Each structure stands twice: as C-alpha cells, then as structure tokens.
Amino acid sequence: MVYLFDLDGTIIDSQIGITRGLAYAIEKMKLPKLPQERLIEFIGPSFVEIFPLAFGLDFNDTKKMIAYYREYYSKKGKDECVLYDGMYELLKDLNSEGHHLYMATAKPENLAREISESLDIYKFFKGLVGATEDESRHKKEDVIEELIRRHGPLEKAYMIGDRASDLIAAKKKKMGSIGVLYGFAKDGELERENPDYICKDVPSLRKLLLEKL
C-alpha cells in the first residue's frame, strides 16, 4: 500500500513552534494580537492563502509576513516540535512491512526534511515533497502532483492528514483519504469532507493501516 503523510498535526505536534512564529510575525507586522486558539487555526493550510483572508494583506505584505514567520521558525520553531506518541513505531513498522511511505506537506521542503532528519524518521520515507521557498508550490494538491511527477503513478494510495485541505487534495487526485482527529482541525472539519476513514488517535491509525487496509 502507498501512504502519503502530512507532517504538522499528523506526524508531529508542532503547535508551540508554529504559534510562536505566528505571534512573532504578527508583532513585526504591527497587527492586532490573536489568542492561542485562533493561532492554532492557521496550522495546516498555506499561509499564502490564509494570511490575506485573515489579515487583509496584499501580496507584498503577505510575503513579508511569511518571511517574518520563517525568520522565527528557522531559528527556534523547528526545534519546538515533537513526534506524536507511537508515531515513530508506526512509521517504522509500516516501512518494515513493505508499505511505501511518502510525505506531502505545505511546509517548505528543505525545512520539512531537516525536521524529519532531526527526529530520525526521514529514513522511513521513499520521498518527501513540500512547498517551494518562493511559494510557487504551496497548495496540497500541487504538492501531491509534484510527488507523482518525481516518483511516478501512486497506485492504491491514501492521503493521511489532519486538515480539510489534505482530504480535498486527495479527492482531486483520486486517492483514498484518511483524516486524523488528534491534529489541528476544527470540530466537524474533517467529517464534512467525508473521508474514507477517520482515526481519533495514533493507536486507531495504526490499527487501520497495519490490520485493516
């Protein structure tokens, strides 16, 4: 089986680093402060798409805000994330049993690789594709398209993610979809996209991937 994993909110709990990075960018842009629960909502979707909607920014200011965010995240935020309990073992066992694992993330590709290597999970993946530094590739469906371009057609593939954007991209690429509820989705967000499967935690995801599919 082929499994495409999202990173933030699916493999790693990156809430602290991302929300601190967002708070830093908001302060640098002299925008009104947001409470933690609002900052969490920014985790997952592309900043290129949500910053203009959330803050009324034009293209240039959006780029500037993303640069401030990356300034913090590249120095501190990347080290403020942890694997979800049981995730290392899940990836290891899936790899050992011959499943093909790929990572498809809206995080900049170089940063996603650096984080994956630091957490010692990069070795389990046959490929990793993320956003480009210039944000020319930032939508999840574009990330998946690039992954297919590099690695060829992915048969019997499932996209695994914690946000609606993951499930929508899977449908557009005619893949199966698995939503995980332990990430950063709002209540009902994943259910509205009607994925093939929904898992409440890592143990239930493990059971689905290793025993049922």
N, C-alpha and C. Protein backbone atom coordinates (compact mmCIF):
# COMPACT_ATOMS: atom_id res chain seq x y z
N MET A 1 0.85 -1.19 0.00
CA MET A 1 0.00 0.00 0.00
C MET A 1 0.89 1.25 0.00
N VAL A 2 0.35 2.33 -0.55
CA VAL A 2 1.06 3.60 -0.59
C VAL A 2 0.36 4.59 0.35
N TYR A 3 1.12 5.18 1.26
CA TYR A 3 0.56 6.15 2.19
C TYR A 3 1.31 7.48 2.08
N LEU A 4 0.55 8.55 1.88
CA LEU A 4 1.12 9.90 1.88
C LEU A 4 0.76 10.55 3.21
N PHE A 5 1.75 10.92 3.96
CA PHE A 5 1.54 11.53 5.27
C PHE A 5 1.73 13.05 5.19
N ASP A 6 0.79 13.77 5.76
CA ASP A 6 1.00 15.18 6.08
C ASP A 6 2.00 15.22 7.25
N LEU A 7 2.58 16.38 7.52
CA LEU A 7 3.56 16.48 8.61
C LEU A 7 2.96 17.11 9.87
N ASP A 8 2.67 18.41 9.82
CA ASP A 8 2.15 19.11 11.00
C ASP A 8 0.76 18.60 11.37
N GLY A 9 0.60 18.18 12.61
CA GLY A 9 -0.71 17.74 13.07
C GLY A 9 -1.03 16.31 12.71
N THR A 10 -0.12 15.65 12.00
CA THR A 10 -0.33 14.26 11.61
C THR A 10 0.82 13.39 12.12
N ILE A 11 2.05 13.81 11.81
CA ILE A 11 3.24 13.11 12.31
C ILE A 11 3.79 13.81 13.54
N ILE A 12 3.84 15.14 13.49
CA ILE A 12 4.42 15.89 14.60
C ILE A 12 3.42 16.87 15.21
N ASP A 13 3.57 17.09 16.51
CA ASP A 13 2.85 18.15 17.20
C ASP A 13 3.75 19.39 17.16
N SER A 14 3.41 20.30 16.27
CA SER A 14 4.24 21.49 16.04
C SER A 14 3.57 22.77 16.53
N GLN A 15 2.60 22.61 17.41
CA GLN A 15 1.80 23.76 17.84
C GLN A 15 2.64 24.87 18.46
N ILE A 16 3.55 24.54 19.33
CA ILE A 16 4.31 25.57 20.03
C ILE A 16 5.14 26.40 19.06
N GLY A 17 5.91 25.75 18.20
CA GLY A 17 6.77 26.47 17.28
C GLY A 17 6.02 27.31 16.28
N ILE A 18 4.93 26.75 15.74
CA ILE A 18 4.17 27.48 14.73
C ILE A 18 3.45 28.67 15.33
N THR A 19 2.79 28.48 16.46
CA THR A 19 2.03 29.60 17.04
C THR A 19 2.97 30.70 17.56
N ARG A 20 4.13 30.33 18.06
CA ARG A 20 5.09 31.37 18.47
C ARG A 20 5.63 32.11 17.25
N GLY A 21 5.85 31.37 16.18
CA GLY A 21 6.28 32.01 14.93
C GLY A 21 5.23 32.96 14.39
N LEU A 22 3.97 32.55 14.46
CA LEU A 22 2.89 33.41 14.00
C LEU A 22 2.78 34.66 14.88
N ALA A 23 2.87 34.48 16.18
CA ALA A 23 2.80 35.62 17.10
C ALA A 23 3.94 36.60 16.82
N TYR A 24 5.12 36.08 16.53
CA TYR A 24 6.27 36.92 16.20
C TYR A 24 6.01 37.71 14.91
N ALA A 25 5.47 37.02 13.88
CA ALA A 25 5.19 37.69 12.61
C ALA A 25 4.11 38.75 12.76
N ILE A 26 3.10 38.45 13.55
CA ILE A 26 2.02 39.41 13.79
C ILE A 26 2.55 40.66 14.48
N GLU A 27 3.42 40.46 15.47
CA GLU A 27 4.02 41.59 16.18
C GLU A 27 4.88 42.44 15.24
N LYS A 28 5.69 41.78 14.41
CA LYS A 28 6.56 42.51 13.47
C LYS A 28 5.75 43.29 12.45
N MET A 29 4.59 42.75 12.07
CA MET A 29 3.72 43.42 11.09
C MET A 29 2.83 44.47 11.74
N LYS A 30 2.92 44.58 13.09
CA LYS A 30 2.10 45.53 13.86
C LYS A 30 0.60 45.30 13.65
N LEU A 31 0.23 44.02 13.66
CA LEU A 31 -1.17 43.61 13.54
C LEU A 31 -1.72 43.31 14.94
N PRO A 32 -3.04 43.34 15.10
CA PRO A 32 -3.63 43.02 16.42
C PRO A 32 -3.27 41.60 16.86
N LYS A 33 -2.95 41.46 18.13
CA LYS A 33 -2.62 40.14 18.67
C LYS A 33 -3.83 39.22 18.60
N LEU A 34 -3.56 37.92 18.43
CA LEU A 34 -4.61 36.92 18.40
C LEU A 34 -4.42 35.93 19.54
N PRO A 35 -5.52 35.43 20.11
CA PRO A 35 -5.40 34.42 21.17
C PRO A 35 -4.88 33.10 20.61
N GLN A 36 -4.38 32.26 21.50
CA GLN A 36 -3.78 30.99 21.09
C GLN A 36 -4.73 30.13 20.25
N GLU A 37 -6.00 30.10 20.64
CA GLU A 37 -6.95 29.26 19.91
C GLU A 37 -7.13 29.71 18.47
N ARG A 38 -6.98 30.99 18.20
CA ARG A 38 -7.06 31.48 16.82
C ARG A 38 -5.78 31.17 16.06
N LEU A 39 -4.64 31.25 16.73
CA LEU A 39 -3.37 30.95 16.07
C LEU A 39 -3.32 29.49 15.62
N ILE A 40 -3.90 28.61 16.42
CA ILE A 40 -3.89 27.18 16.08
C ILE A 40 -4.59 26.93 14.75
N GLU A 41 -5.60 27.74 14.44
CA GLU A 41 -6.35 27.55 13.21
C GLU A 41 -5.51 27.76 11.95
N PHE A 42 -4.36 28.41 12.09
CA PHE A 42 -3.50 28.67 10.94
C PHE A 42 -2.61 27.47 10.61
N ILE A 43 -2.58 26.47 11.47
CA ILE A 43 -1.70 25.33 11.26
C ILE A 43 -2.31 24.40 10.21
N GLY A 44 -1.60 24.18 9.13
CA GLY A 44 -2.05 23.25 8.10
C GLY A 44 -2.19 23.88 6.74
N PRO A 45 -3.17 24.79 6.56
CA PRO A 45 -3.33 25.42 5.24
C PRO A 45 -2.14 26.31 4.88
N SER A 46 -2.04 26.65 3.61
CA SER A 46 -0.95 27.50 3.14
C SER A 46 -1.12 28.94 3.64
N PHE A 47 -0.05 29.51 4.16
CA PHE A 47 -0.09 30.90 4.62
C PHE A 47 -0.38 31.86 3.46
N VAL A 48 0.05 31.50 2.26
CA VAL A 48 -0.19 32.35 1.09
C VAL A 48 -1.69 32.58 0.89
N GLU A 49 -2.48 31.57 1.22
CA GLU A 49 -3.92 31.66 1.03
C GLU A 49 -4.64 32.26 2.23
N ILE A 50 -4.18 31.94 3.45
CA ILE A 50 -4.95 32.35 4.62
C ILE A 50 -4.55 33.71 5.20
N PHE A 51 -3.30 34.15 5.01
CA PHE A 51 -2.91 35.45 5.53
C PHE A 51 -3.71 36.60 4.91
N PRO A 52 -3.90 36.62 3.59
CA PRO A 52 -4.71 37.70 3.01
C PRO A 52 -6.15 37.71 3.53
N LEU A 53 -6.71 36.52 3.73
CA LEU A 53 -8.09 36.43 4.21
C LEU A 53 -8.19 36.83 5.67
N ALA A 54 -7.23 36.41 6.48
CA ALA A 54 -7.30 36.67 7.92
C ALA A 54 -6.91 38.08 8.30
N PHE A 55 -5.96 38.67 7.55
CA PHE A 55 -5.41 39.97 7.94
C PHE A 55 -5.62 41.06 6.90
N GLY A 56 -6.23 40.72 5.77
CA GLY A 56 -6.46 41.71 4.73
C GLY A 56 -5.19 42.21 4.08
N LEU A 57 -4.19 41.34 3.96
CA LEU A 57 -2.89 41.74 3.41
C LEU A 57 -2.87 41.61 1.89
N ASP A 58 -2.11 42.49 1.25
CA ASP A 58 -1.88 42.34 -0.18
C ASP A 58 -0.73 41.36 -0.39
N PHE A 59 -0.37 41.12 -1.65
CA PHE A 59 0.63 40.12 -1.98
C PHE A 59 1.98 40.42 -1.33
N ASN A 60 2.43 41.66 -1.41
CA ASN A 60 3.73 42.02 -0.87
C ASN A 60 3.79 41.90 0.66
N ASP A 61 2.72 42.34 1.33
CA ASP A 61 2.69 42.23 2.78
C ASP A 61 2.56 40.76 3.23
N THR A 62 1.87 39.97 2.43
CA THR A 62 1.79 38.54 2.73
C THR A 62 3.17 37.91 2.68
N LYS A 63 3.94 38.24 1.66
CA LYS A 63 5.31 37.72 1.54
C LYS A 63 6.17 38.19 2.71
N LYS A 64 5.97 39.43 3.11
CA LYS A 64 6.75 39.98 4.23
C LYS A 64 6.41 39.25 5.53
N MET A 65 5.13 38.98 5.74
CA MET A 65 4.71 38.29 6.96
C MET A 65 5.22 36.85 6.99
N ILE A 66 5.19 36.20 5.85
CA ILE A 66 5.72 34.84 5.77
C ILE A 66 7.22 34.84 6.07
N ALA A 67 7.92 35.86 5.59
CA ALA A 67 9.36 35.96 5.84
C ALA A 67 9.63 36.13 7.33
N TYR A 68 8.82 36.95 8.03
CA TYR A 68 8.99 37.11 9.47
C TYR A 68 8.74 35.79 10.19
N TYR A 69 7.69 35.09 9.77
CA TYR A 69 7.37 33.79 10.38
C TYR A 69 8.55 32.83 10.22
N ARG A 70 9.07 32.76 9.01
CA ARG A 70 10.19 31.83 8.74
C ARG A 70 11.45 32.24 9.49
N GLU A 71 11.61 33.54 9.72
CA GLU A 71 12.75 34.03 10.48
C GLU A 71 12.76 33.40 11.87
N TYR A 72 11.59 33.40 12.51
CA TYR A 72 11.49 32.78 13.83
C TYR A 72 11.60 31.27 13.74
N TYR A 73 10.85 30.69 12.80
CA TYR A 73 10.74 29.23 12.77
C TYR A 73 12.06 28.56 12.43
N SER A 74 12.83 29.17 11.52
CA SER A 74 14.10 28.57 11.12
C SER A 74 15.13 28.60 12.25
N LYS A 75 14.99 29.57 13.18
CA LYS A 75 15.93 29.69 14.28
C LYS A 75 15.49 28.90 15.51
N LYS A 76 14.18 28.94 15.81
CA LYS A 76 13.70 28.33 17.05
C LYS A 76 12.56 27.34 16.84
N GLY A 77 11.60 27.70 16.00
CA GLY A 77 10.37 26.92 15.89
C GLY A 77 10.57 25.48 15.46
N LYS A 78 11.54 25.26 14.58
CA LYS A 78 11.76 23.90 14.07
C LYS A 78 12.19 22.93 15.17
N ASP A 79 12.72 23.47 16.26
CA ASP A 79 13.14 22.62 17.37
C ASP A 79 12.05 22.51 18.45
N GLU A 80 10.91 23.16 18.22
CA GLU A 80 9.83 23.16 19.21
C GLU A 80 8.70 22.24 18.77
N CYS A 81 9.07 21.10 18.18
CA CYS A 81 8.05 20.13 17.76
C CYS A 81 8.47 18.74 18.23
N VAL A 82 7.49 17.87 18.39
CA VAL A 82 7.74 16.50 18.85
C VAL A 82 6.87 15.55 18.05
N LEU A 83 7.33 14.30 17.95
CA LEU A 83 6.52 13.27 17.33
C LEU A 83 5.34 12.93 18.25
N TYR A 84 4.19 12.67 17.65
CA TYR A 84 3.08 12.15 18.45
C TYR A 84 3.45 10.78 18.99
N ASP A 85 2.97 10.49 20.19
CA ASP A 85 3.27 9.20 20.83
C ASP A 85 2.88 8.05 19.91
N GLY A 86 3.80 7.14 19.68
CA GLY A 86 3.53 5.97 18.87
C GLY A 86 3.78 6.16 17.39
N MET A 87 4.08 7.39 16.96
CA MET A 87 4.24 7.65 15.53
C MET A 87 5.54 7.06 14.99
N TYR A 88 6.61 7.16 15.74
CA TYR A 88 7.89 6.59 15.27
C TYR A 88 7.73 5.10 15.01
N GLU A 89 7.12 4.41 15.96
CA GLU A 89 6.94 2.97 15.83
C GLU A 89 6.02 2.62 14.66
N LEU A 90 4.99 3.45 14.45
CA LEU A 90 4.08 3.21 13.32
C LEU A 90 4.81 3.33 12.00
N LEU A 91 5.57 4.39 11.83
CA LEU A 91 6.31 4.59 10.58
C LEU A 91 7.33 3.47 10.37
N LYS A 92 8.00 3.10 11.44
CA LYS A 92 8.99 2.03 11.36
C LYS A 92 8.35 0.72 10.93
N ASP A 93 7.22 0.38 11.53
CA ASP A 93 6.56 -0.89 11.23
C ASP A 93 5.95 -0.90 9.84
N LEU A 94 5.38 0.22 9.41
CA LEU A 94 4.84 0.30 8.05
C LEU A 94 5.96 0.10 7.03
N ASN A 95 7.07 0.74 7.29
CA ASN A 95 8.22 0.60 6.39
C ASN A 95 8.74 -0.84 6.38
N SER A 96 8.82 -1.46 7.55
CA SER A 96 9.33 -2.83 7.66
C SER A 96 8.43 -3.82 6.94
N GLU A 97 7.13 -3.54 6.91
CA GLU A 97 6.19 -4.45 6.27
C GLU A 97 6.05 -4.19 4.77
N GLY A 98 6.84 -3.29 4.24
CA GLY A 98 6.89 -3.10 2.80
C GLY A 98 5.95 -2.06 2.23
N HIS A 99 5.27 -1.31 3.08
CA HIS A 99 4.42 -0.23 2.59
C HIS A 99 5.30 0.92 2.09
N HIS A 100 4.81 1.62 1.10
CA HIS A 100 5.57 2.74 0.54
C HIS A 100 5.08 4.04 1.17
N LEU A 101 5.96 4.73 1.88
CA LEU A 101 5.60 5.94 2.61
C LEU A 101 6.19 7.16 1.92
N TYR A 102 5.35 8.19 1.81
CA TYR A 102 5.78 9.47 1.26
C TYR A 102 5.27 10.56 2.19
N MET A 103 5.94 11.70 2.18
CA MET A 103 5.48 12.86 2.94
C MET A 103 5.07 13.95 1.98
N ALA A 104 3.88 14.50 2.19
CA ALA A 104 3.34 15.59 1.37
C ALA A 104 2.91 16.69 2.32
N THR A 105 3.67 17.78 2.36
CA THR A 105 3.44 18.82 3.36
C THR A 105 3.46 20.21 2.74
N ALA A 106 2.71 21.12 3.35
CA ALA A 106 2.72 22.52 2.91
C ALA A 106 3.88 23.28 3.53
N LYS A 107 4.66 22.60 4.37
CA LYS A 107 5.87 23.20 4.94
C LYS A 107 6.93 23.30 3.84
N PRO A 108 7.79 24.32 3.87
CA PRO A 108 8.89 24.36 2.90
C PRO A 108 9.67 23.04 2.91
N GLU A 109 9.98 22.55 1.74
CA GLU A 109 10.54 21.21 1.61
C GLU A 109 11.85 21.03 2.39
N ASN A 110 12.75 21.97 2.27
CA ASN A 110 14.03 21.84 2.97
C ASN A 110 13.85 21.78 4.48
N LEU A 111 12.91 22.58 4.98
CA LEU A 111 12.65 22.61 6.42
C LEU A 111 12.00 21.30 6.87
N ALA A 112 11.06 20.78 6.08
CA ALA A 112 10.41 19.51 6.41
C ALA A 112 11.43 18.38 6.47
N ARG A 113 12.36 18.40 5.52
CA ARG A 113 13.41 17.37 5.52
C ARG A 113 14.30 17.52 6.75
N GLU A 114 14.69 18.75 7.09
CA GLU A 114 15.55 18.99 8.25
C GLU A 114 14.88 18.48 9.52
N ILE A 115 13.60 18.77 9.69
CA ILE A 115 12.86 18.33 10.87
C ILE A 115 12.77 16.81 10.89
N SER A 116 12.47 16.21 9.73
CA SER A 116 12.34 14.76 9.64
C SER A 116 13.65 14.06 9.97
N GLU A 117 14.74 14.63 9.51
CA GLU A 117 16.05 14.04 9.81
C GLU A 117 16.39 14.18 11.29
N SER A 118 16.05 15.32 11.88
CA SER A 118 16.37 15.53 13.30
C SER A 118 15.57 14.60 14.20
N LEU A 119 14.36 14.22 13.75
CA LEU A 119 13.52 13.30 14.51
C LEU A 119 13.76 11.84 14.12
N ASP A 120 14.70 11.62 13.21
CA ASP A 120 15.13 10.28 12.78
C ASP A 120 14.00 9.49 12.09
N ILE A 121 13.15 10.19 11.33
CA ILE A 121 12.09 9.50 10.60
C ILE A 121 12.25 9.61 9.08
N TYR A 122 13.15 10.45 8.63
CA TYR A 122 13.32 10.64 7.18
C TYR A 122 13.64 9.32 6.49
N LYS A 123 14.35 8.45 7.17
CA LYS A 123 14.78 7.17 6.61
C LYS A 123 13.62 6.24 6.27
N PHE A 124 12.43 6.51 6.81
CA PHE A 124 11.29 5.64 6.55
C PHE A 124 10.53 6.01 5.27
N PHE A 125 10.85 7.16 4.67
CA PHE A 125 10.09 7.66 3.53
C PHE A 125 10.84 7.47 2.22
N LYS A 126 10.09 7.08 1.20
CA LYS A 126 10.65 6.94 -0.14
C LYS A 126 10.76 8.28 -0.85
N GLY A 127 10.03 9.27 -0.36
CA GLY A 127 10.09 10.59 -0.94
C GLY A 127 9.42 11.61 -0.05
N LEU A 128 9.86 12.86 -0.17
CA LEU A 128 9.28 13.97 0.60
C LEU A 128 9.15 15.16 -0.33
N VAL A 129 7.94 15.70 -0.39
CA VAL A 129 7.71 16.91 -1.19
C VAL A 129 6.99 17.93 -0.32
N GLY A 130 7.47 19.16 -0.38
CA GLY A 130 6.84 20.24 0.37
C GLY A 130 6.67 21.46 -0.50
N ALA A 131 6.38 22.57 0.13
CA ALA A 131 6.23 23.83 -0.59
C ALA A 131 7.59 24.34 -1.04
N THR A 132 7.58 25.16 -2.07
CA THR A 132 8.81 25.82 -2.51
C THR A 132 9.03 27.07 -1.68
N GLU A 133 10.27 27.50 -1.61
CA GLU A 133 10.61 28.68 -0.82
C GLU A 133 9.90 29.93 -1.33
N ASP A 134 9.68 30.01 -2.65
CA ASP A 134 9.01 31.19 -3.21
C ASP A 134 7.50 31.06 -3.23
N GLU A 135 6.98 29.96 -2.64
CA GLU A 135 5.55 29.71 -2.52
C GLU A 135 4.87 29.49 -3.87
N SER A 136 5.64 29.25 -4.94
CA SER A 136 5.01 28.92 -6.22
C SER A 136 4.32 27.57 -6.16
N ARG A 137 4.76 26.72 -5.26
CA ARG A 137 4.06 25.46 -4.96
C ARG A 137 3.72 25.46 -3.48
N HIS A 138 2.44 25.65 -3.16
CA HIS A 138 2.04 25.70 -1.77
C HIS A 138 0.74 24.96 -1.48
N LYS A 139 -0.12 24.79 -2.50
CA LYS A 139 -1.37 24.05 -2.29
C LYS A 139 -1.06 22.56 -2.18
N LYS A 140 -1.83 21.86 -1.34
CA LYS A 140 -1.56 20.44 -1.11
C LYS A 140 -1.72 19.63 -2.39
N GLU A 141 -2.69 19.97 -3.24
CA GLU A 141 -2.83 19.21 -4.48
C GLU A 141 -1.62 19.40 -5.40
N ASP A 142 -1.01 20.58 -5.34
CA ASP A 142 0.20 20.82 -6.14
C ASP A 142 1.40 20.05 -5.58
N VAL A 143 1.44 19.93 -4.26
CA VAL A 143 2.49 19.15 -3.63
C VAL A 143 2.38 17.68 -4.04
N ILE A 144 1.14 17.16 -4.02
CA ILE A 144 0.92 15.77 -4.43
C ILE A 144 1.27 15.58 -5.90
N GLU A 145 0.91 16.55 -6.73
CA GLU A 145 1.21 16.47 -8.16
C GLU A 145 2.73 16.40 -8.38
N GLU A 146 3.49 17.18 -7.63
CA GLU A 146 4.94 17.15 -7.75
C GLU A 146 5.49 15.81 -7.27
N LEU A 147 4.89 15.26 -6.23
CA LEU A 147 5.32 13.96 -5.74
C LEU A 147 5.12 12.89 -6.81
N ILE A 148 3.97 12.94 -7.48
CA ILE A 148 3.69 11.99 -8.56
C ILE A 148 4.67 12.20 -9.72
N ARG A 149 4.99 13.45 -10.01
CA ARG A 149 5.93 13.73 -11.10
C ARG A 149 7.30 13.12 -10.81
N ARG A 150 7.72 13.19 -9.56
CA ARG A 150 9.04 12.67 -9.19
C ARG A 150 9.07 11.15 -9.08
N HIS A 151 7.99 10.57 -8.57
CA HIS A 151 8.03 9.16 -8.21
C HIS A 151 7.12 8.27 -9.05
N GLY A 152 6.39 8.88 -9.97
CA GLY A 152 5.53 8.08 -10.84
C GLY A 152 4.15 7.87 -10.24
N PRO A 153 3.25 7.22 -10.99
CA PRO A 153 1.88 6.98 -10.51
C PRO A 153 1.88 6.23 -9.19
N LEU A 154 1.00 6.63 -8.30
CA LEU A 154 0.91 6.00 -6.98
C LEU A 154 -0.40 5.21 -6.92
N GLU A 155 -0.31 3.91 -7.06
CA GLU A 155 -1.50 3.07 -7.07
C GLU A 155 -1.88 2.67 -5.64
N LYS A 156 -3.19 2.57 -5.41
CA LYS A 156 -3.71 2.20 -4.10
C LYS A 156 -3.14 3.12 -3.02
N ALA A 157 -3.24 4.40 -3.26
CA ALA A 157 -2.64 5.38 -2.35
C ALA A 157 -3.68 6.05 -1.47
N TYR A 158 -3.29 6.36 -0.25
CA TYR A 158 -4.12 7.10 0.69
C TYR A 158 -3.36 8.31 1.20
N MET A 159 -4.05 9.45 1.24
CA MET A 159 -3.51 10.65 1.86
C MET A 159 -4.00 10.69 3.30
N ILE A 160 -3.06 10.90 4.24
CA ILE A 160 -3.37 10.93 5.66
C ILE A 160 -3.07 12.33 6.19
N GLY A 161 -4.08 13.00 6.73
CA GLY A 161 -3.86 14.35 7.22
C GLY A 161 -4.88 14.80 8.23
N ASP A 162 -4.61 15.95 8.84
CA ASP A 162 -5.46 16.44 9.94
C ASP A 162 -6.32 17.64 9.55
N ARG A 163 -6.20 18.12 8.30
CA ARG A 163 -6.98 19.28 7.89
C ARG A 163 -7.79 18.96 6.63
N ALA A 164 -8.85 19.75 6.43
CA ALA A 164 -9.70 19.55 5.26
C ALA A 164 -8.91 19.64 3.97
N SER A 165 -7.90 20.51 3.94
CA SER A 165 -7.11 20.68 2.72
C SER A 165 -6.43 19.38 2.29
N ASP A 166 -6.06 18.53 3.25
CA ASP A 166 -5.46 17.23 2.92
C ASP A 166 -6.48 16.33 2.23
N LEU A 167 -7.69 16.31 2.76
CA LEU A 167 -8.72 15.42 2.23
C LEU A 167 -9.23 15.91 0.88
N ILE A 168 -9.35 17.22 0.73
CA ILE A 168 -9.79 17.79 -0.55
C ILE A 168 -8.77 17.49 -1.64
N ALA A 169 -7.48 17.63 -1.31
CA ALA A 169 -6.43 17.34 -2.28
C ALA A 169 -6.45 15.87 -2.69
N ALA A 170 -6.68 14.98 -1.73
CA ALA A 170 -6.74 13.55 -2.04
C ALA A 170 -7.85 13.26 -3.03
N LYS A 171 -9.01 13.86 -2.82
CA LYS A 171 -10.13 13.64 -3.74
C LYS A 171 -9.80 14.16 -5.13
N LYS A 172 -9.17 15.32 -5.20
CA LYS A 172 -8.82 15.90 -6.50
C LYS A 172 -7.85 15.01 -7.27
N LYS A 173 -7.00 14.30 -6.53
CA LYS A 173 -6.01 13.41 -7.15
C LYS A 173 -6.49 11.96 -7.20
N LYS A 174 -7.78 11.78 -6.87
CA LYS A 174 -8.41 10.45 -6.93
C LYS A 174 -7.68 9.42 -6.06
N MET A 175 -7.33 9.87 -4.86
CA MET A 175 -6.71 8.99 -3.87
C MET A 175 -7.69 8.73 -2.74
N GLY A 176 -7.42 7.68 -1.97
CA GLY A 176 -8.17 7.48 -0.75
C GLY A 176 -7.78 8.54 0.28
N SER A 177 -8.61 8.74 1.27
CA SER A 177 -8.33 9.79 2.26
C SER A 177 -8.59 9.27 3.67
N ILE A 178 -7.69 9.65 4.57
CA ILE A 178 -7.80 9.28 5.98
C ILE A 178 -7.60 10.53 6.81
N GLY A 179 -8.60 10.91 7.57
CA GLY A 179 -8.49 12.07 8.44
C GLY A 179 -8.12 11.66 9.85
N VAL A 180 -7.27 12.45 10.50
CA VAL A 180 -6.90 12.16 11.89
C VAL A 180 -7.37 13.32 12.78
N LEU A 181 -8.00 12.94 13.88
CA LEU A 181 -8.65 13.93 14.74
C LEU A 181 -7.74 14.48 15.84
N TYR A 182 -6.53 13.95 15.97
CA TYR A 182 -5.66 14.40 17.05
C TYR A 182 -4.82 15.62 16.67
N GLY A 183 -5.01 16.13 15.44
CA GLY A 183 -4.24 17.28 14.97
C GLY A 183 -4.93 18.60 15.27
N PHE A 184 -5.04 19.44 14.24
CA PHE A 184 -5.47 20.82 14.46
C PHE A 184 -6.78 21.19 13.77
N ALA A 185 -7.55 20.21 13.34
CA ALA A 185 -8.82 20.50 12.68
C ALA A 185 -9.84 21.04 13.69
N LYS A 186 -10.72 21.89 13.18
CA LYS A 186 -11.85 22.34 14.00
C LYS A 186 -12.86 21.21 14.11
N ASP A 187 -13.76 21.33 15.08
CA ASP A 187 -14.82 20.33 15.24
C ASP A 187 -15.63 20.22 13.96
N GLY A 188 -15.76 19.02 13.45
CA GLY A 188 -16.58 18.77 12.27
C GLY A 188 -15.90 19.04 10.95
N GLU A 189 -14.69 19.61 10.98
CA GLU A 189 -14.00 19.98 9.74
C GLU A 189 -13.72 18.77 8.85
N LEU A 190 -13.22 17.70 9.44
CA LEU A 190 -12.88 16.52 8.65
C LEU A 190 -14.13 15.74 8.24
N GLU A 191 -15.08 15.66 9.14
CA GLU A 191 -16.30 14.91 8.84
C GLU A 191 -17.04 15.50 7.64
N ARG A 192 -16.99 16.82 7.50
CA ARG A 192 -17.68 17.47 6.37
C ARG A 192 -17.10 17.06 5.02
N GLU A 193 -15.84 16.65 5.00
CA GLU A 193 -15.21 16.24 3.73
C GLU A 193 -15.44 14.77 3.41
N ASN A 194 -16.09 14.06 4.31
CA ASN A 194 -16.46 12.66 4.08
C ASN A 194 -15.28 11.80 3.62
N PRO A 195 -14.22 11.73 4.42
CA PRO A 195 -13.07 10.90 4.02
C PRO A 195 -13.43 9.42 4.09
N ASP A 196 -12.57 8.60 3.53
CA ASP A 196 -12.80 7.15 3.57
C ASP A 196 -12.74 6.62 4.99
N TYR A 197 -11.83 7.18 5.78
CA TYR A 197 -11.69 6.75 7.17
C TYR A 197 -11.34 7.96 8.04
N ILE A 198 -11.74 7.88 9.31
CA ILE A 198 -11.34 8.87 10.30
C ILE A 198 -10.78 8.13 11.51
N CYS A 199 -9.62 8.59 11.99
CA CYS A 199 -8.99 7.97 13.15
C CYS A 199 -8.87 9.00 14.26
N LYS A 200 -9.24 8.60 15.46
CA LYS A 200 -9.26 9.55 16.57
C LYS A 200 -7.89 9.76 17.20
N ASP A 201 -6.99 8.77 17.06
CA ASP A 201 -5.67 8.87 17.68
C ASP A 201 -4.68 7.99 16.92
N VAL A 202 -3.42 8.03 17.35
CA VAL A 202 -2.39 7.24 16.66
C VAL A 202 -2.63 5.74 16.77
N PRO A 203 -3.06 5.21 17.94
CA PRO A 203 -3.35 3.77 18.00
C PRO A 203 -4.42 3.32 17.01
N SER A 204 -5.46 4.12 16.84
CA SER A 204 -6.51 3.73 15.88
C SER A 204 -6.01 3.85 14.45
N LEU A 205 -5.11 4.81 14.18
CA LEU A 205 -4.50 4.92 12.86
C LEU A 205 -3.61 3.71 12.61
N ARG A 206 -2.88 3.31 13.61
CA ARG A 206 -2.01 2.13 13.49
C ARG A 206 -2.82 0.88 13.15
N LYS A 207 -3.92 0.71 13.86
CA LYS A 207 -4.76 -0.47 13.62
C LYS A 207 -5.32 -0.46 12.21
N LEU A 208 -5.73 0.71 11.73
CA LEU A 208 -6.28 0.82 10.38
C LEU A 208 -5.22 0.47 9.34
N LEU A 209 -4.05 1.06 9.45
CA LEU A 209 -3.02 0.91 8.41
C LEU A 209 -2.36 -0.46 8.42
N LEU A 210 -2.21 -1.05 9.59
CA LEU A 210 -1.48 -2.31 9.69
C LEU A 210 -2.37 -3.55 9.72
N GLU A 211 -3.65 -3.36 10.07
CA GLU A 211 -4.51 -4.53 10.22
C GLU A 211 -5.71 -4.57 9.29
N LYS A 212 -6.19 -3.38 8.85
CA LYS A 212 -7.45 -3.37 8.09
C LYS A 212 -7.28 -3.09 6.61
N LEU A 213 -6.34 -2.23 6.24
CA LEU A 213 -6.19 -1.87 4.83
C LEU A 213 -5.22 -2.83 4.11
